[in-house]
Amino acid sequence: MPRLLGVDIPANKQLAYSFRAIYGIGPTVAARICEGLNLDPSRKASTLTEEELTRIAAFVEKNFVVEGNLRRQRTQNINRLRDIKCYRGLRHKVNLPVRGQRTRTNARTRKGPKKTIAGKKKVTK
């Protein structure tokens, strides 16, 4: 398995798909990497040489924010929103949907499993 930017990329897949194993690289960025370095996107990742791997790593580091730096940047952005106590920051803080979705129904992914609240007991005479 070739190692690129601290991540093992799948060797048996095409370059355009194996680059996506790196956090922050999707289909468009993977295509740009192949285009920028004149690599065939349908070529298998196992055929990459050490020199090509270093060229790819240098190109990605220079042109894109990926892996640890991107994760750190996202965390800092969310923490900034929390610190200034804006609406989005408060929603992040209490683990509720941030982008205006309804929460009366749905939102189970963010809210977690249902917490059943017992209803009033009937008064018996």
C-alpha atoms as a PDB file:
ATOM      1  CA  MET A   1       0.000   0.000   0.000  1.00  0.00           C
ATOM      2  CA  PRO A   2       1.461   3.357  -0.991  1.00  0.00           C
ATOM      3  CA  ARG A   3       1.679   5.885   1.819  1.00  0.00           C
ATOM      4  CA  LEU A   4       0.799   9.475   1.002  1.00  0.00           C
ATOM      5  CA  LEU A   5       0.652  12.349   3.543  1.00  0.00           C
ATOM      6  CA  GLY A   6       0.609   9.889   6.431  1.00  0.00           C
ATOM      7  CA  VAL A   7      -2.288   7.852   4.993  1.00  0.00           C
ATOM      8  CA  ASP A   8      -2.210   4.444   3.364  1.00  0.00           C
ATOM      9  CA  ILE A   9      -4.036   4.793   0.058  1.00  0.00           C
ATOM     10  CA  PRO A  10      -5.643   1.683  -1.490  1.00  0.00           C
ATOM     11  CA  ALA A  11      -3.178   0.104  -3.925  1.00  0.00           C
ATOM     12  CA  ASN A  12      -5.693  -1.874  -5.966  1.00  0.00           C
ATOM     13  CA  LYS A  13      -7.815   1.163  -6.950  1.00  0.00           C
ATOM     14  CA  GLN A  14      -7.375   3.776  -9.641  1.00  0.00           C
ATOM     15  CA  LEU A  15      -5.581   6.986  -8.666  1.00  0.00           C
ATOM     16  CA  ALA A  16      -8.717   9.125  -8.950  1.00  0.00           C
ATOM     17  CA  TYR A  17     -10.398   6.897  -6.349  1.00  0.00           C
ATOM     18  CA  SER A  18      -7.458   6.060  -4.092  1.00  0.00           C
ATOM     19  CA  PHE A  19      -6.603   9.740  -3.485  1.00  0.00           C
ATOM     20  CA  ARG A  20     -10.033  10.076  -1.861  1.00  0.00           C
ATOM     21  CA  ALA A  21      -8.787   8.074   1.141  1.00  0.00           C
ATOM     22  CA  ILE A  22      -7.047  11.281   2.229  1.00  0.00           C
ATOM     23  CA  TYR A  23      -9.238  13.570   4.357  1.00  0.00           C
ATOM     24  CA  GLY A  24     -10.113  16.674   2.364  1.00  0.00           C
ATOM     25  CA  ILE A  25      -9.686  15.153  -1.094  1.00  0.00           C
ATOM     26  CA  GLY A  26     -12.854  14.396  -3.026  1.00  0.00           C
ATOM     27  CA  PRO A  27     -13.579  13.658  -6.678  1.00  0.00           C
ATOM     28  CA  THR A  28     -12.832  17.176  -7.964  1.00  0.00           C
ATOM     29  CA  VAL A  29      -9.575  17.624  -6.057  1.00  0.00           C
ATOM     30  CA  ALA A  30      -8.431  14.111  -7.037  1.00  0.00           C
ATOM     31  CA  ALA A  31      -9.031  14.983 -10.702  1.00  0.00           C
ATOM     32  CA  ARG A  32      -7.110  18.261 -10.281  1.00  0.00           C
ATOM     33  CA  ILE A  33      -4.152  16.405  -8.754  1.00  0.00           C
ATOM     34  CA  CYS A  34      -4.031  13.966 -11.675  1.00  0.00           C
ATOM     35  CA  GLU A  35      -4.397  16.826 -14.159  1.00  0.00           C
ATOM     36  CA  GLY A  36      -1.804  19.029 -12.474  1.00  0.00           C
ATOM     37  CA  LEU A  37       0.843  16.304 -12.404  1.00  0.00           C
ATOM     38  CA  ASN A  38      -0.044  14.732 -15.774  1.00  0.00           C
ATOM     39  CA  LEU A  39      -0.976  11.406 -14.194  1.00  0.00           C
ATOM     40  CA  ASP A  40      -3.448   9.004 -15.766  1.00  0.00           C
ATOM     41  CA  PRO A  41      -6.455   8.847 -13.387  1.00  0.00           C
ATOM     42  CA  SER A  42      -7.237   5.261 -14.443  1.00  0.00           C
ATOM     43  CA  ARG A  43      -3.764   4.051 -13.463  1.00  0.00           C
ATOM     44  CA  LYS A  44      -3.540   1.824 -10.366  1.00  0.00           C
ATOM     45  CA  ALA A  45      -2.036   3.324  -7.236  1.00  0.00           C
ATOM     46  CA  SER A  46       0.257   0.318  -6.804  1.00  0.00           C
ATOM     47  CA  THR A  47       2.192   1.372  -9.911  1.00  0.00           C
ATOM     48  CA  LEU A  48       3.332   4.696  -8.389  1.00  0.00           C
ATOM     49  CA  THR A  49       7.065   5.106  -7.871  1.00  0.00           C
ATOM     50  CA  GLU A  50       8.647   6.735  -4.813  1.00  0.00           C
ATOM     51  CA  GLU A  51       9.562   9.796  -6.895  1.00  0.00           C
ATOM     52  CA  GLU A  52       5.947  10.170  -8.063  1.00  0.00           C
ATOM     53  CA  LEU A  53       4.683   9.831  -4.492  1.00  0.00           C
ATOM     54  CA  THR A  54       6.960  12.654  -3.327  1.00  0.00           C
ATOM     55  CA  ARG A  55       5.823  14.827  -6.285  1.00  0.00           C
ATOM     56  CA  ILE A  56       2.173  14.181  -5.415  1.00  0.00           C
ATOM     57  CA  ALA A  57       2.754  14.916  -1.714  1.00  0.00           C
ATOM     58  CA  ALA A  58       4.538  18.195  -2.520  1.00  0.00           C
ATOM     59  CA  PHE A  59       1.795  19.237  -4.971  1.00  0.00           C
ATOM     60  CA  VAL A  60      -1.000  18.505  -2.482  1.00  0.00           C
ATOM     61  CA  GLU A  61       0.785  20.249   0.425  1.00  0.00           C
ATOM     62  CA  LYS A  62       1.364  23.328  -1.729  1.00  0.00           C
ATOM     63  CA  ASN A  63      -2.116  23.652  -3.260  1.00  0.00           C
ATOM     64  CA  PHE A  64      -4.647  22.135  -0.825  1.00  0.00           C
ATOM     65  CA  VAL A  65      -5.452  22.004   2.892  1.00  0.00           C
ATOM     66  CA  VAL A  66      -5.796  18.332   3.844  1.00  0.00           C
ATOM     67  CA  GLU A  67      -5.634  15.860   6.733  1.00  0.00           C
ATOM     68  CA  GLY A  68      -4.501  17.253  10.104  1.00  0.00           C
ATOM     69  CA  ASN A  69      -4.437  20.898   9.046  1.00  0.00           C
ATOM     70  CA  LEU A  70      -7.989  20.696   7.680  1.00  0.00           C
ATOM     71  CA  ARG A  71      -9.284  18.907  10.794  1.00  0.00           C
ATOM     72  CA  ARG A  72      -7.598  21.523  13.003  1.00  0.00           C
ATOM     73  CA  GLN A  73      -9.037  24.352  10.914  1.00  0.00           C
ATOM     74  CA  ARG A  74     -12.585  22.937  11.165  1.00  0.00           C
ATOM     75  CA  THR A  75     -12.279  22.497  14.934  1.00  0.00           C
ATOM     76  CA  GLN A  76     -10.972  26.035  15.356  1.00  0.00           C
ATOM     77  CA  ASN A  77     -13.840  27.438  13.283  1.00  0.00           C
ATOM     78  CA  ILE A  78     -16.430  25.632  15.404  1.00  0.00           C
ATOM     79  CA  ASN A  79     -14.709  26.671  18.638  1.00  0.00           C
ATOM     80  CA  ARG A  80     -14.688  30.292  17.454  1.00  0.00           C
ATOM     81  CA  LEU A  81     -18.447  30.117  16.876  1.00  0.00           C
ATOM     82  CA  ARG A  82     -18.888  28.661  20.369  1.00  0.00           C
ATOM     83  CA  ASP A  83     -16.700  31.322  21.968  1.00  0.00           C
ATOM     84  CA  ILE A  84     -18.560  34.254  20.436  1.00  0.00           C
ATOM     85  CA  LYS A  85     -21.840  32.578  21.465  1.00  0.00           C
ATOM     86  CA  CYS A  86     -23.554  33.067  18.123  1.00  0.00           C
ATOM     87  CA  TYR A  87     -26.610  30.996  17.225  1.00  0.00           C
ATOM     88  CA  ARG A  88     -24.623  28.451  15.224  1.00  0.00           C
ATOM     89  CA  GLY A  89     -22.110  28.115  18.054  1.00  0.00           C
ATOM     90  CA  LEU A  90     -24.863  27.471  20.585  1.00  0.00           C
ATOM     91  CA  ARG A  91     -26.391  24.812  18.311  1.00  0.00           C
ATOM     92  CA  HIS A  92     -22.978  23.116  18.027  1.00  0.00           C
ATOM     93  CA  LYS A  93     -22.583  23.280  21.788  1.00  0.00           C
ATOM     94  CA  VAL A  94     -25.888  21.529  22.576  1.00  0.00           C
ATOM     95  CA  ASN A  95     -25.434  19.070  19.682  1.00  0.00           C
ATOM     96  CA  LEU A  96     -28.494  20.105  17.675  1.00  0.00           C
ATOM     97  CA  PRO A  97     -28.810  20.678  13.914  1.00  0.00           C
ATOM     98  CA  VAL A  98     -26.985  23.847  12.906  1.00  0.00           C
ATOM     99  CA  ARG A  99     -28.372  24.684   9.488  1.00  0.00           C
ATOM    100  CA  GLY A 100     -32.035  25.393  10.195  1.00  0.00           C
ATOM    101  CA  GLN A 101     -33.461  21.884  10.069  1.00  0.00           C
ATOM    102  CA  ARG A 102     -36.552  21.114  12.104  1.00  0.00           C
ATOM    103  CA  THR A 103     -36.150  19.258  15.371  1.00  0.00           C
ATOM    104  CA  ARG A 104     -39.734  18.543  16.397  1.00  0.00           C
ATOM    105  CA  THR A 105     -39.513  15.362  14.341  1.00  0.00           C
ATOM    106  CA  ASN A 106     -36.414  13.851  12.761  1.00  0.00           C
ATOM    107  CA  ALA A 107     -32.922  15.105  13.769  1.00  0.00           C
ATOM    108  CA  ARG A 108     -32.287  11.722  15.421  1.00  0.00           C
ATOM    109  CA  THR A 109     -28.702  11.629  14.192  1.00  0.00           C
ATOM    110  CA  ARG A 110     -27.796  14.771  16.125  1.00  0.00           C
ATOM    111  CA  LYS A 111     -30.134  14.308  19.098  1.00  0.00           C
ATOM    112  CA  GLY A 112     -29.457  10.609  19.652  1.00  0.00           C
ATOM    113  CA  PRO A 113     -31.995   7.893  20.464  1.00  0.00           C
ATOM    114  CA  LYS A 114     -35.453   8.821  21.734  1.00  0.00           C
ATOM    115  CA  LYS A 115     -35.789   9.704  25.382  1.00  0.00           C
ATOM    116  CA  THR A 116     -39.337   8.734  26.276  1.00  0.00           C
ATOM    117  CA  ILE A 117     -41.044  11.008  28.750  1.00  0.00           C
ATOM    118  CA  ALA A 118     -43.800   9.409  30.751  1.00  0.00           C
ATOM    119  CA  GLY A 119     -47.240  10.961  30.363  1.00  0.00           C
ATOM    120  CA  LYS A 120     -49.519  11.898  33.212  1.00  0.00           C
ATOM    121  CA  LYS A 121     -50.945   8.982  35.122  1.00  0.00           C
ATOM    122  CA  LYS A 122     -54.732   8.720  35.113  1.00  0.00           C
ATOM    123  CA  VAL A 123     -56.412   9.486  38.385  1.00  0.00           C
ATOM    124  CA  THR A 124     -58.447   6.503  39.584  1.00  0.00           C
ATOM    125  CA  LYS A 125     -61.423   6.900  41.877  1.00  0.00           C
END
